[in-house]
Amino acid sequence: MTERTEGIVFRRATEADLPAIVAMLAADSLGVGRESPDDLAPYREAFARVDADPNQHLIVADRDGTAVGTMQLTVIPGLSRRGATRTIVEAVRVHPSERGNGLGTRFMEYAVAESRRLGASLVQLTSDRSRADAHRFYERLGFVPSHMGFKLQLEP
């Protein structure tokens, strides 16, 4: 689904958006050490997998043909909660030039509306413990810190 708001178009990402998306991921304080914007090959392979999966929605906020925000919305049908479908919002980034103008709020409102359209009854996300500003932002939007997350890094 494509939506326009105040000069911004929220749309599905294309492979042409990858340089901008990866640059936003790499510019982040956590991504600076784990992303490699100079080598897009692994991102192209990942994009092909994401784009082919109907439950994956890689979204960009587009201003005048340039991706200025990105997020991935994953739809998870499940058995718990009486067979509820949920969405997970991941890798939310807004270009530094767009911060502070309400784009993040509009982007998350889009994610919630799109989740409803996709049949979800729950939207969830995780945020690194170090992101206190992001936590306040999500709470302001009505998200509740309800769980503790765990990760296990698997080596190839």
Protein backbone atom coordinates (compact mmCIF):
# COMPACT_ATOMS: atom_id res chain seq x y z
CA MET A 1 0.00 0.00 0.00
CA THR A 2 1.30 3.47 -0.85
CA GLU A 3 0.27 6.46 1.24
CA ARG A 4 1.10 10.16 0.81
CA THR A 5 1.45 12.57 3.71
CA GLU A 6 2.94 16.09 3.76
CA GLY A 7 5.30 15.61 0.82
CA ILE A 8 6.27 12.11 1.93
CA VAL A 9 5.17 8.91 0.21
CA PHE A 10 5.25 5.68 2.22
CA ARG A 11 5.82 2.84 -0.22
CA ARG A 12 7.35 -0.57 -0.65
CA ALA A 13 11.11 -0.39 -1.08
CA THR A 14 12.73 -1.30 -4.38
CA GLU A 15 16.24 -2.53 -4.99
CA ALA A 16 17.11 0.99 -6.17
CA ASP A 17 16.48 2.17 -2.57
CA LEU A 18 19.18 -0.12 -1.13
CA PRO A 19 22.06 2.41 -1.07
CA ALA A 20 19.93 4.90 0.89
CA ILE A 21 18.53 2.22 3.22
CA VAL A 22 21.93 0.74 3.99
CA ALA A 23 23.39 4.22 4.51
CA MET A 24 20.68 4.93 7.12
CA LEU A 25 21.36 1.60 8.83
CA ALA A 26 25.10 2.27 8.86
CA ALA A 27 24.74 5.87 10.10
CA ASP A 28 22.99 4.66 13.23
CA SER A 29 25.09 4.42 16.39
CA LEU A 30 24.56 0.66 16.57
CA GLY A 31 24.82 0.04 12.83
CA VAL A 32 28.09 1.87 12.31
CA GLY A 33 30.07 -1.19 13.39
CA ARG A 34 27.94 -3.89 11.80
CA GLU A 35 26.82 -2.53 8.44
CA SER A 36 28.95 -2.20 5.30
CA PRO A 37 27.47 0.38 2.91
CA ASP A 38 30.45 0.01 0.55
CA ASP A 39 29.50 -3.60 -0.26
CA LEU A 40 25.84 -3.89 -1.26
CA ALA A 41 26.07 -7.51 -2.48
CA PRO A 42 24.82 -9.12 0.77
CA TYR A 43 22.05 -6.53 1.00
CA ARG A 44 20.91 -7.28 -2.56
CA GLU A 45 20.69 -10.98 -1.70
CA ALA A 46 18.75 -10.20 1.48
CA PHE A 47 16.48 -7.78 -0.37
CA ALA A 48 15.57 -10.51 -2.88
CA ARG A 49 14.57 -12.85 -0.02
CA VAL A 50 12.58 -10.15 1.78
CA ASP A 51 10.88 -8.94 -1.39
CA ALA A 52 9.83 -12.48 -2.34
CA ASP A 53 8.21 -13.18 1.05
CA PRO A 54 4.58 -11.99 1.20
CA ASN A 55 4.81 -11.57 4.98
CA GLN A 56 7.71 -9.11 4.71
CA HIS A 57 7.11 -5.44 3.96
CA LEU A 58 10.24 -3.35 3.56
CA ILE A 59 8.89 0.20 3.56
CA VAL A 60 10.54 3.52 2.77
CA ALA A 61 9.48 7.06 3.43
CA ASP A 62 10.17 8.76 0.11
CA ARG A 63 10.65 12.48 -0.36
CA ASP A 64 11.07 13.56 -3.99
CA GLY A 65 12.34 10.14 -5.07
CA THR A 66 14.80 9.71 -2.20
CA ALA A 67 14.35 7.26 0.67
CA VAL A 68 14.51 9.33 3.87
CA GLY A 69 13.19 6.66 6.23
CA THR A 70 12.98 2.89 6.34
CA MET A 71 11.39 0.10 8.34
CA GLN A 72 10.60 -3.56 7.95
CA LEU A 73 7.14 -4.80 8.87
CA THR A 74 6.83 -8.56 9.35
CA VAL A 75 3.43 -10.26 9.51
CA ILE A 76 3.29 -13.30 11.78
CA PRO A 77 0.16 -15.43 11.80
CA GLY A 78 0.00 -17.37 15.04
CA LEU A 79 -1.95 -19.67 17.32
CA SER A 80 -1.56 -17.73 20.57
CA ARG A 81 -4.06 -15.02 21.47
CA ARG A 82 -6.81 -17.09 19.88
CA GLY A 83 -5.08 -17.32 16.51
CA ALA A 84 -4.07 -13.67 16.34
CA THR A 85 -1.90 -12.20 13.63
CA ARG A 86 0.75 -9.78 14.80
CA THR A 87 3.25 -7.56 13.09
CA ILE A 88 6.78 -6.82 14.16
CA VAL A 89 8.32 -3.48 13.31
CA GLU A 90 12.08 -3.66 12.82
CA ALA A 91 14.99 -1.51 11.65
CA VAL A 92 13.21 1.83 11.89
CA ARG A 93 15.48 4.62 10.71
CA VAL A 94 14.87 8.23 9.70
CA HIS A 95 17.52 10.19 7.82
CA PRO A 96 19.15 12.82 10.08
CA SER A 97 17.93 15.63 7.81
CA GLU A 98 14.32 14.57 8.48
CA ARG A 99 14.49 14.17 12.25
CA GLY A 100 12.44 16.47 14.43
CA ASN A 101 9.77 17.25 11.83
CA GLY A 102 7.27 14.54 12.78
CA LEU A 103 8.24 12.01 10.13
CA GLY A 104 8.97 9.32 12.72
CA THR A 105 5.51 9.73 14.21
CA ARG A 106 3.82 9.63 10.81
CA PHE A 107 5.94 6.60 9.85
CA MET A 108 4.89 4.67 12.95
CA GLU A 109 1.24 5.70 12.45
CA TYR A 110 1.56 4.28 8.95
CA ALA A 111 3.01 1.03 10.38
CA VAL A 112 0.05 0.68 12.75
CA ALA A 113 -2.50 1.44 10.02
CA GLU A 114 -0.79 -0.96 7.62
CA SER A 115 -0.75 -3.63 10.35
CA ARG A 116 -4.51 -3.24 10.75
CA ARG A 117 -4.98 -3.45 6.98
CA LEU A 118 -2.93 -6.68 6.99
CA GLY A 119 -5.22 -8.19 9.64
CA ALA A 120 -2.98 -7.84 12.69
CA SER A 121 -4.41 -7.34 16.15
CA LEU A 122 -1.04 -6.60 17.79
CA VAL A 123 1.96 -4.52 16.73
CA GLN A 124 5.21 -5.17 18.53
CA LEU A 125 8.79 -4.03 18.29
CA THR A 126 12.07 -4.32 20.10
CA SER A 127 14.50 -1.54 20.80
CA ASP A 128 18.08 -1.74 22.02
CA ARG A 129 18.38 -0.93 25.73
CA SER A 130 20.71 1.97 24.93
CA ARG A 131 18.06 3.88 22.96
CA ALA A 132 16.39 5.85 25.75
CA ASP A 133 15.11 8.53 23.34
CA ALA A 134 13.55 5.88 21.11
CA HIS A 135 11.88 4.28 24.14
CA ARG A 136 10.28 7.58 25.12
CA PHE A 137 9.17 8.06 21.49
CA TYR A 138 7.50 4.63 21.29
CA GLU A 139 5.82 5.09 24.68
CA ARG A 140 4.48 8.48 23.57
CA LEU A 141 2.87 6.65 20.63
CA GLY A 142 1.13 4.21 22.99
CA PHE A 143 3.56 1.28 22.88
CA VAL A 144 4.02 -0.38 26.27
CA PRO A 145 7.32 -1.90 27.45
CA SER A 146 5.89 -5.33 28.25
CA HIS A 147 8.59 -7.93 27.69
CA MET A 148 12.29 -8.58 28.03
CA GLY A 149 13.97 -9.74 24.82
CA PHE A 150 16.80 -12.19 24.35
CA LYS A 151 19.16 -12.84 21.44
CA LEU A 152 21.52 -15.63 20.56
CA GLN A 153 24.06 -14.77 17.87
CA LEU A 154 24.58 -17.71 15.48
CA GLU A 155 27.88 -17.85 13.70
CA PRO A 156 27.88 -19.04 10.07
